[in-house]
Amino acid sequence: PRPGPGPLHLLPAPLRSAFPFLLLPDSLLRPATPASPDESMFVLAVMFVAILGPSGWILSNLDNYKG
């Protein structure tokens, strides 16, 4: 059975159209095959570097940024 529309039908039309992927059924949002542990670790490492790398650079060079 297909799930109901959920609480999204309560949102105003502009918000519903801004997030059309929220209206898709779960079967279209899930990947065909689950991610392997290696893929998961790779993605976690990339996200770690992408988020903390620039932050670390700014914090380590904070004296250079001060006026």
PDB file of N, CA and C in Angstrom:
ATOM      1  N   PRO A   1       0.829  -1.195   0.000  1.00  0.00           N
ATOM      2  CA  PRO A   1       0.000   0.000   0.000  1.00  0.00           C
ATOM      3  C   PRO A   1       0.875   1.262   0.000  1.00  0.00           C
ATOM      4  N   ARG A   2       0.442   2.204  -0.740  1.00  0.00           N
ATOM      5  CA  ARG A   2       1.172   3.475  -0.831  1.00  0.00           C
ATOM      6  C   ARG A   2       0.826   4.348   0.372  1.00  0.00           C
ATOM      7  N   PRO A   3       1.853   4.957   0.988  1.00  0.00           N
ATOM      8  CA  PRO A   3       1.546   5.807   2.151  1.00  0.00           C
ATOM      9  C   PRO A   3       0.771   7.046   1.740  1.00  0.00           C
ATOM     10  N   GLY A   4       0.076   7.610   2.698  1.00  0.00           N
ATOM     11  CA  GLY A   4      -0.712   8.813   2.454  1.00  0.00           C
ATOM     12  C   GLY A   4       0.164  10.023   2.197  1.00  0.00           C
ATOM     13  N   PRO A   5      -0.437  11.186   1.960  1.00  0.00           N
ATOM     14  CA  PRO A   5       0.349  12.374   1.619  1.00  0.00           C
ATOM     15  C   PRO A   5       1.160  12.911   2.787  1.00  0.00           C
ATOM     16  N   GLY A   6       0.852  12.495   3.999  1.00  0.00           N
ATOM     17  CA  GLY A   6       1.593  12.990   5.146  1.00  0.00           C
ATOM     18  C   GLY A   6       1.226  14.437   5.443  1.00  0.00           C
ATOM     19  N   PRO A   7       2.038  15.102   6.258  1.00  0.00           N
ATOM     20  CA  PRO A   7       1.714  16.469   6.658  1.00  0.00           C
ATOM     21  C   PRO A   7       2.019  17.506   5.587  1.00  0.00           C
ATOM     22  N   LEU A   8       2.610  17.095   4.452  1.00  0.00           N
ATOM     23  CA  LEU A   8       2.984  18.071   3.428  1.00  0.00           C
ATOM     24  C   LEU A   8       1.768  18.735   2.778  1.00  0.00           C
ATOM     25  N   HIS A   9       0.631  18.065   2.800  1.00  0.00           N
ATOM     26  CA  HIS A   9      -0.553  18.679   2.191  1.00  0.00           C
ATOM     27  C   HIS A   9      -1.035  19.881   3.002  1.00  0.00           C
ATOM     28  N   LEU A  10      -0.518  20.039   4.227  1.00  0.00           N
ATOM     29  CA  LEU A  10      -0.893  21.181   5.048  1.00  0.00           C
ATOM     30  C   LEU A  10      -0.084  22.432   4.719  1.00  0.00           C
ATOM     31  N   LEU A  11       1.033  22.260   4.007  1.00  0.00           N
ATOM     32  CA  LEU A  11       1.868  23.412   3.654  1.00  0.00           C
ATOM     33  C   LEU A  11       1.217  24.242   2.550  1.00  0.00           C
ATOM     34  N   PRO A  12       1.489  25.532   2.514  1.00  0.00           N
ATOM     35  CA  PRO A  12       0.997  26.350   1.406  1.00  0.00           C
ATOM     36  C   PRO A  12       1.628  25.899   0.085  1.00  0.00           C
ATOM     37  N   ALA A  13       0.952  26.168  -1.001  1.00  0.00           N
ATOM     38  CA  ALA A  13       1.388  25.713  -2.324  1.00  0.00           C
ATOM     39  C   ALA A  13       2.819  26.143  -2.673  1.00  0.00           C
ATOM     40  N   PRO A  14       3.249  27.384  -2.382  1.00  0.00           N
ATOM     41  CA  PRO A  14       4.633  27.750  -2.741  1.00  0.00           C
ATOM     42  C   PRO A  14       5.682  26.883  -2.039  1.00  0.00           C
ATOM     43  N   LEU A  15       5.423  26.504  -0.799  1.00  0.00           N
ATOM     44  CA  LEU A  15       6.377  25.645  -0.088  1.00  0.00           C
ATOM     45  C   LEU A  15       6.358  24.230  -0.634  1.00  0.00           C
ATOM     46  N   ARG A  16       5.183  23.740  -1.002  1.00  0.00           N
ATOM     47  CA  ARG A  16       5.110  22.403  -1.586  1.00  0.00           C
ATOM     48  C   ARG A  16       5.845  22.357  -2.909  1.00  0.00           C
ATOM     49  N   SER A  17       5.738  23.404  -3.712  1.00  0.00           N
ATOM     50  CA  SER A  17       6.415  23.397  -5.003  1.00  0.00           C
ATOM     51  C   SER A  17       7.910  23.654  -4.852  1.00  0.00           C
ATOM     52  N   ALA A  18       8.346  24.255  -3.733  1.00  0.00           N
ATOM     53  CA  ALA A  18       9.766  24.497  -3.515  1.00  0.00           C
ATOM     54  C   ALA A  18      10.499  23.216  -3.147  1.00  0.00           C
ATOM     55  N   PHE A  19       9.798  22.239  -2.623  1.00  0.00           N
ATOM     56  CA  PHE A  19      10.402  20.981  -2.199  1.00  0.00           C
ATOM     57  C   PHE A  19       9.684  19.800  -2.846  1.00  0.00           C
ATOM     58  N   PRO A  20       9.755  19.671  -4.176  1.00  0.00           N
ATOM     59  CA  PRO A  20       8.987  18.600  -4.826  1.00  0.00           C
ATOM     60  C   PRO A  20       9.498  17.210  -4.463  1.00  0.00           C
ATOM     61  N   PHE A  21      10.791  17.079  -4.104  1.00  0.00           N
ATOM     62  CA  PHE A  21      11.319  15.759  -3.762  1.00  0.00           C
ATOM     63  C   PHE A  21      10.686  15.204  -2.494  1.00  0.00           C
ATOM     64  N   LEU A  22      10.117  16.088  -1.655  1.00  0.00           N
ATOM     65  CA  LEU A  22       9.461  15.612  -0.443  1.00  0.00           C
ATOM     66  C   LEU A  22       8.141  14.918  -0.748  1.00  0.00           C
ATOM     67  N   LEU A  23       7.614  15.146  -1.925  1.00  0.00           N
ATOM     68  CA  LEU A  23       6.333  14.545  -2.288  1.00  0.00           C
ATOM     69  C   LEU A  23       6.502  13.203  -2.983  1.00  0.00           C
ATOM     70  N   LEU A  24       7.740  12.798  -3.284  1.00  0.00           N
ATOM     71  CA  LEU A  24       7.986  11.531  -3.957  1.00  0.00           C
ATOM     72  C   LEU A  24       7.794  10.372  -2.984  1.00  0.00           C
ATOM     73  N   PRO A  25       7.334   9.231  -3.481  1.00  0.00           N
ATOM     74  CA  PRO A  25       7.227   8.063  -2.602  1.00  0.00           C
ATOM     75  C   PRO A  25       8.614   7.573  -2.198  1.00  0.00           C
ATOM     76  N   ASP A  26       8.684   6.888  -1.076  1.00  0.00           N
ATOM     77  CA  ASP A  26       9.967   6.407  -0.560  1.00  0.00           C
ATOM     78  C   ASP A  26      10.691   5.501  -1.545  1.00  0.00           C
ATOM     79  N   SER A  27       9.946   4.744  -2.350  1.00  0.00           N
ATOM     80  CA  SER A  27      10.592   3.812  -3.268  1.00  0.00           C
ATOM     81  C   SER A  27      11.448   4.546  -4.300  1.00  0.00           C
ATOM     82  N   LEU A  28      11.118   5.790  -4.636  1.00  0.00           N
ATOM     83  CA  LEU A  28      11.916   6.547  -5.589  1.00  0.00           C
ATOM     84  C   LEU A  28      13.092   7.244  -4.926  1.00  0.00           C
ATOM     85  N   LEU A  29      13.035   7.460  -3.621  1.00  0.00           N
ATOM     86  CA  LEU A  29      14.096   8.157  -2.915  1.00  0.00           C
ATOM     87  C   LEU A  29      15.197   7.218  -2.437  1.00  0.00           C
ATOM     88  N   ARG A  30      14.906   5.935  -2.306  1.00  0.00           N
ATOM     89  CA  ARG A  30      15.890   4.979  -1.822  1.00  0.00           C
ATOM     90  C   ARG A  30      16.767   4.501  -2.980  1.00  0.00           C
ATOM     91  N   PRO A  31      18.045   4.267  -2.711  1.00  0.00           N
ATOM     92  CA  PRO A  31      18.912   3.754  -3.773  1.00  0.00           C
ATOM     93  C   PRO A  31      18.557   2.314  -4.124  1.00  0.00           C
ATOM     94  N   ALA A  32      18.920   1.894  -5.333  1.00  0.00           N
ATOM     95  CA  ALA A  32      18.604   0.536  -5.773  1.00  0.00           C
ATOM     96  C   ALA A  32      19.348  -0.495  -4.938  1.00  0.00           C
ATOM     97  N   THR A  33      20.600  -0.192  -4.590  1.00  0.00           N
ATOM     98  CA  THR A  33      21.386  -1.093  -3.737  1.00  0.00           C
ATOM     99  C   THR A  33      21.899  -0.291  -2.547  1.00  0.00           C
ATOM    100  N   PRO A  34      21.917  -0.887  -1.367  1.00  0.00           N
ATOM    101  CA  PRO A  34      22.420  -0.157  -0.200  1.00  0.00           C
ATOM    102  C   PRO A  34      23.920   0.100  -0.324  1.00  0.00           C
ATOM    103  N   ALA A  35      24.391   1.140   0.328  1.00  0.00           N
ATOM    104  CA  ALA A  35      25.810   1.498   0.283  1.00  0.00           C
ATOM    105  C   ALA A  35      26.622   0.495   1.094  1.00  0.00           C
ATOM    106  N   SER A  36      27.797   0.153   0.573  1.00  0.00           N
ATOM    107  CA  SER A  36      28.686  -0.759   1.293  1.00  0.00           C
ATOM    108  C   SER A  36      29.390   0.003   2.411  1.00  0.00           C
ATOM    109  N   PRO A  37      29.954  -0.707   3.370  1.00  0.00           N
ATOM    110  CA  PRO A  37      30.698  -0.013   4.442  1.00  0.00           C
ATOM    111  C   PRO A  37      31.855   0.827   3.897  1.00  0.00           C
ATOM    112  N   ASP A  38      32.518   0.359   2.839  1.00  0.00           N
ATOM    113  CA  ASP A  38      33.615   1.139   2.250  1.00  0.00           C
ATOM    114  C   ASP A  38      33.113   2.459   1.684  1.00  0.00           C
ATOM    115  N   GLU A  39      31.984   2.415   0.991  1.00  0.00           N
ATOM    116  CA  GLU A  39      31.406   3.645   0.441  1.00  0.00           C
ATOM    117  C   GLU A  39      30.998   4.600   1.553  1.00  0.00           C
ATOM    118  N   SER A  40      30.429   4.059   2.604  1.00  0.00           N
ATOM    119  CA  SER A  40      30.012   4.898   3.734  1.00  0.00           C
ATOM    120  C   SER A  40      31.208   5.574   4.387  1.00  0.00           C
ATOM    121  N   MET A  41      32.293   4.829   4.585  1.00  0.00           N
ATOM    122  CA  MET A  41      33.482   5.406   5.207  1.00  0.00           C
ATOM    123  C   MET A  41      34.107   6.463   4.303  1.00  0.00           C
ATOM    124  N   PHE A  42      34.100   6.239   2.994  1.00  0.00           N
ATOM    125  CA  PHE A  42      34.642   7.222   2.065  1.00  0.00           C
ATOM    126  C   PHE A  42      33.844   8.520   2.144  1.00  0.00           C
ATOM    127  N   VAL A  43      32.525   8.414   2.145  1.00  0.00           N
ATOM    128  CA  VAL A  43      31.682   9.605   2.207  1.00  0.00           C
ATOM    129  C   VAL A  43      31.869  10.328   3.527  1.00  0.00           C
ATOM    130  N   LEU A  44      31.958   9.595   4.624  1.00  0.00           N
ATOM    131  CA  LEU A  44      32.186  10.234   5.920  1.00  0.00           C
ATOM    132  C   LEU A  44      33.521  10.967   5.948  1.00  0.00           C
ATOM    133  N   ALA A  45      34.564  10.367   5.361  1.00  0.00           N
ATOM    134  CA  ALA A  45      35.875  11.014   5.337  1.00  0.00           C
ATOM    135  C   ALA A  45      35.845  12.277   4.484  1.00  0.00           C
ATOM    136  N   VAL A  46      35.181  12.224   3.336  1.00  0.00           N
ATOM    137  CA  VAL A  46      35.094  13.400   2.465  1.00  0.00           C
ATOM    138  C   VAL A  46      34.317  14.517   3.156  1.00  0.00           C
ATOM    139  N   MET A  47      33.217  14.180   3.809  1.00  0.00           N
ATOM    140  CA  MET A  47      32.436  15.200   4.515  1.00  0.00           C
ATOM    141  C   MET A  47      33.237  15.785   5.680  1.00  0.00           C
ATOM    142  N   PHE A  48      33.981  14.949   6.388  1.00  0.00           N
ATOM    143  CA  PHE A  48      34.816  15.416   7.490  1.00  0.00           C
ATOM    144  C   PHE A  48      35.821  16.449   7.001  1.00  0.00           C
ATOM    145  N   VAL A  49      36.513  16.133   5.901  1.00  0.00           N
ATOM    146  CA  VAL A  49      37.522  17.051   5.360  1.00  0.00           C
ATOM    147  C   VAL A  49      36.866  18.310   4.802  1.00  0.00           C
ATOM    148  N   ALA A  50      35.722  18.135   4.112  1.00  0.00           N
ATOM    149  CA  ALA A  50      35.062  19.282   3.478  1.00  0.00           C
ATOM    150  C   ALA A  50      34.531  20.271   4.509  1.00  0.00           C
ATOM    151  N   ILE A  51      34.115  19.788   5.666  1.00  0.00           N
ATOM    152  CA  ILE A  51      33.546  20.685   6.675  1.00  0.00           C
ATOM    153  C   ILE A  51      34.621  21.190   7.635  1.00  0.00           C
ATOM    154  N   LEU A  52      35.457  20.283   8.135  1.00  0.00           N
ATOM    155  CA  LEU A  52      36.423  20.682   9.153  1.00  0.00           C
ATOM    156  C   LEU A  52      37.713  21.241   8.571  1.00  0.00           C
ATOM    157  N   GLY A  53      38.034  20.934   7.318  1.00  0.00           N
ATOM    158  CA  GLY A  53      39.244  21.459   6.703  1.00  0.00           C
ATOM    159  C   GLY A  53      39.255  22.981   6.652  1.00  0.00           C
ATOM    160  N   PRO A  54      38.256  23.606   6.018  1.00  0.00           N
ATOM    161  CA  PRO A  54      38.232  25.072   5.991  1.00  0.00           C
ATOM    162  C   PRO A  54      38.124  25.700   7.382  1.00  0.00           C
ATOM    163  N   SER A  55      37.388  25.061   8.269  1.00  0.00           N
ATOM    164  CA  SER A  55      37.276  25.598   9.639  1.00  0.00           C
ATOM    165  C   SER A  55      38.623  25.584  10.331  1.00  0.00           C
ATOM    166  N   GLY A  56      39.363  24.489  10.172  1.00  0.00           N
ATOM    167  CA  GLY A  56      40.688  24.409  10.771  1.00  0.00           C
ATOM    168  C   GLY A  56      41.643  25.428  10.178  1.00  0.00           C
ATOM    169  N   TRP A  57      41.539  25.643   8.867  1.00  0.00           N
ATOM    170  CA  TRP A  57      42.392  26.642   8.216  1.00  0.00           C
ATOM    171  C   TRP A  57      42.129  28.034   8.794  1.00  0.00           C
ATOM    172  N   ILE A  58      40.869  28.384   8.928  1.00  0.00           N
ATOM    173  CA  ILE A  58      40.518  29.706   9.454  1.00  0.00           C
ATOM    174  C   ILE A  58      40.993  29.848  10.902  1.00  0.00           C
ATOM    175  N   LEU A  59      40.741  28.812  11.708  1.00  0.00           N
ATOM    176  CA  LEU A  59      41.151  28.901  13.114  1.00  0.00           C
ATOM    177  C   LEU A  59      42.666  28.948  13.273  1.00  0.00           C
ATOM    178  N   SER A  60      43.396  28.224  12.417  1.00  0.00           N
ATOM    179  CA  SER A  60      44.856  28.238  12.546  1.00  0.00           C
ATOM    180  C   SER A  60      45.463  29.543  12.036  1.00  0.00           C
ATOM    181  N   ASN A  61      44.749  30.260  11.187  1.00  0.00           N
ATOM    182  CA  ASN A  61      45.239  31.532  10.648  1.00  0.00           C
ATOM    183  C   ASN A  61      44.435  32.721  11.175  1.00  0.00           C
ATOM    184  N   LEU A  62      43.850  32.567  12.343  1.00  0.00           N
ATOM    185  CA  LEU A  62      42.973  33.600  12.882  1.00  0.00           C
ATOM    186  C   LEU A  62      43.704  34.932  13.084  1.00  0.00           C
ATOM    187  N   ASP A  63      44.948  34.869  13.468  1.00  0.00           N
ATOM    188  CA  ASP A  63      45.707  36.111  13.670  1.00  0.00           C
ATOM    189  C   ASP A  63      45.857  36.884  12.365  1.00  0.00           C
ATOM    190  N   ASN A  64      45.950  36.194  11.252  1.00  0.00           N
ATOM    191  CA  ASN A  64      46.077  36.865   9.953  1.00  0.00           C
ATOM    192  C   ASN A  64      44.785  37.575   9.556  1.00  0.00           C
ATOM    193  N   TYR A  65      43.647  37.073  10.041  1.00  0.00           N
ATOM    194  CA  TYR A  65      42.361  37.652   9.664  1.00  0.00           C
ATOM    195  C   TYR A  65      41.959  38.828  10.554  1.00  0.00           C
ATOM    196  N   LYS A  66      42.602  38.944  11.705  1.00  0.00           N
ATOM    197  CA  LYS A  66      42.255  40.056  12.600  1.00  0.00           C
ATOM    198  C   LYS A  66      42.773  41.364  12.017  1.00  0.00           C
ATOM    199  N   GLY A  67      41.985  42.420  12.166  1.00  0.00           N
ATOM    200  CA  GLY A  67      42.343  43.713  11.599  1.00  0.00           C
ATOM    201  C   GLY A  67      43.372  44.392  12.357  1.00  0.00           C
TER     202      GLY A  67
END
